[in-house]
Protein backbone atom coordinates (compact mmCIF):
# COMPACT_ATOMS: atom_id res chain seq x y z
CA UNK A 1 -25.88 -178.78 -38.90
CA UNK A 2 -28.55 -177.10 -38.09
CA UNK A 3 -31.65 -178.66 -36.56
CA UNK A 4 -34.59 -179.39 -39.14
CA UNK A 5 -37.47 -176.64 -38.84
CA UNK A 6 -39.76 -178.99 -38.33
CA UNK A 7 -37.90 -180.18 -34.98
CA UNK A 8 -37.43 -176.38 -33.58
CA UNK A 9 -39.82 -175.21 -30.46
CA UNK A 10 -39.70 -172.66 -27.88
CA UNK A 11 -39.19 -173.87 -23.80
CA UNK A 12 -41.21 -171.05 -21.90
CA UNK A 13 -39.48 -170.52 -19.22
CA UNK A 14 -39.12 -167.50 -16.08
CA UNK A 15 -35.45 -168.55 -14.29
CA UNK A 16 -33.23 -171.38 -14.47
CA UNK A 17 -30.73 -172.72 -12.49
CA UNK A 18 -27.91 -173.81 -11.71
CA UNK A 19 -25.38 -175.76 -9.32
CA UNK A 20 -22.98 -173.51 -7.62
CA UNK A 21 -19.34 -175.11 -8.61
CA UNK A 22 -19.18 -175.56 -4.36
CA UNK A 23 -20.35 -176.50 -1.91
CA UNK A 24 -22.07 -174.62 0.45
CA UNK A 25 -19.41 -174.97 4.07
CA UNK A 26 -22.75 -175.11 6.17
CA UNK A 27 -24.42 -177.64 3.91
CA UNK A 28 -21.90 -180.01 2.42
CA UNK A 29 -24.31 -179.43 -0.46
CA UNK A 30 -24.41 -177.29 -3.38
CA UNK A 31 -25.64 -174.34 -4.21
CA UNK A 32 -29.37 -174.01 -6.41
CA UNK A 33 -28.47 -170.55 -7.63
CA UNK A 34 -31.37 -169.49 -9.65
CA UNK A 35 -31.23 -166.57 -12.83
CA UNK A 36 -33.17 -164.59 -14.32
CA UNK A 37 -33.59 -161.45 -16.79
CA UNK A 38 -35.27 -158.80 -14.01
CA UNK A 39 -37.02 -158.74 -11.00
CA UNK A 40 -40.18 -159.27 -12.33
CA UNK A 41 -39.26 -162.27 -13.56
CA UNK A 42 -40.60 -162.12 -17.58
CA UNK A 43 -41.59 -165.16 -19.87
CA UNK A 44 -38.97 -165.43 -22.22
CA UNK A 45 -37.69 -168.75 -24.50
CA UNK A 46 -34.88 -171.16 -25.12
CA UNK A 47 -33.88 -172.21 -28.28
CA UNK A 48 -35.55 -175.96 -28.18
CA UNK A 49 -35.22 -178.80 -29.93
CA UNK A 50 -38.48 -182.05 -29.98
CA UNK A 51 -39.31 -185.33 -31.52
CA UNK A 52 -40.52 -188.46 -30.76
CA UNK A 53 -38.24 -191.18 -28.44
CA UNK A 54 -39.65 -194.93 -29.24
CA UNK A 55 -38.25 -196.22 -25.88
CA UNK A 56 -39.84 -196.89 -22.74
CA UNK A 57 -39.27 -193.61 -19.91
CA UNK A 58 -40.13 -193.47 -16.54
CA UNK A 59 -37.81 -195.95 -13.66
CA UNK A 60 -36.78 -199.64 -14.23
CA UNK A 61 -39.58 -201.05 -12.45
CA UNK A 62 -42.53 -199.26 -13.94
CA UNK A 63 -41.13 -198.00 -17.51
CA UNK A 64 -44.09 -196.88 -19.34
CA UNK A 65 -43.61 -197.62 -23.47
CA UNK A 66 -43.07 -195.18 -26.12
CA UNK A 67 -43.69 -193.15 -28.36
CA UNK A 68 -42.59 -190.44 -26.12
CA UNK A 69 -42.60 -186.22 -27.32
CA UNK A 70 -39.64 -185.36 -25.73
CA UNK A 71 -37.56 -181.60 -26.53
CA UNK A 72 -34.65 -180.34 -24.66
CA UNK A 73 -32.84 -177.10 -25.46
CA UNK A 74 -29.84 -175.95 -26.87
CA UNK A 75 -26.84 -174.55 -25.12
CA UNK A 76 -23.95 -171.82 -25.46
CA UNK A 77 -21.29 -170.06 -23.71
CA UNK A 78 -22.16 -169.22 -20.28
CA UNK A 79 -22.55 -164.65 -20.47
CA UNK A 80 -20.59 -163.08 -17.73
CA UNK A 81 -23.19 -163.23 -15.39
CA UNK A 82 -23.44 -167.30 -15.80
CA UNK A 83 -19.87 -167.99 -15.83
CA UNK A 84 -18.80 -167.61 -12.62
CA UNK A 85 -22.06 -170.23 -11.94
CA UNK A 86 -21.10 -172.76 -14.65
CA UNK A 87 -18.59 -171.96 -16.65
CA UNK A 88 -18.89 -174.27 -19.83
CA UNK A 89 -22.45 -173.85 -20.76
CA UNK A 90 -26.03 -171.74 -20.38
CA UNK A 91 -29.06 -172.37 -22.33
CA UNK A 92 -30.03 -170.03 -25.55
CA UNK A 93 -32.55 -167.70 -24.70
CA UNK A 94 -34.70 -166.08 -26.75
CA UNK A 95 -36.08 -162.44 -25.36
CA UNK A 96 -37.51 -160.89 -28.25
CA UNK A 97 -40.14 -161.60 -31.27
CA UNK A 98 -37.65 -161.52 -34.15
CA UNK A 99 -35.08 -163.21 -31.93
CA UNK A 100 -38.17 -166.41 -31.44
CA UNK A 101 -39.13 -165.92 -35.16
CA UNK A 102 -35.94 -166.62 -36.80
CA UNK A 103 -35.63 -169.42 -34.34
CA UNK A 104 -38.61 -171.38 -35.37
CA UNK A 105 -38.79 -169.78 -38.78
CA UNK A 106 -34.83 -170.11 -40.46
CA UNK A 107 -34.27 -172.82 -43.37
CA UNK A 108 -31.90 -175.79 -41.73
């Protein structure tokens, strides 16, 4: 089922990161691997969904009562660049005006 048009949003970004699948032998921790569209770190958008959340956010000791406007972004199968690092998914990346317009205006 497609998200309602009024809940769609664009999440601006110029990069995103995933943890490496295996720990770095030198540190014992998983490295953070950054992905950009090009060396200029051009701005793009993730296809996002926004919604109101009425519960508490924050820590258990200092909860912040809602409502809160929250968002998440959609994922898709990883491309050949991301797949070696994260084999399950990657964000849906919108790079053109047409892609952004289709995401925001298509009936759902």
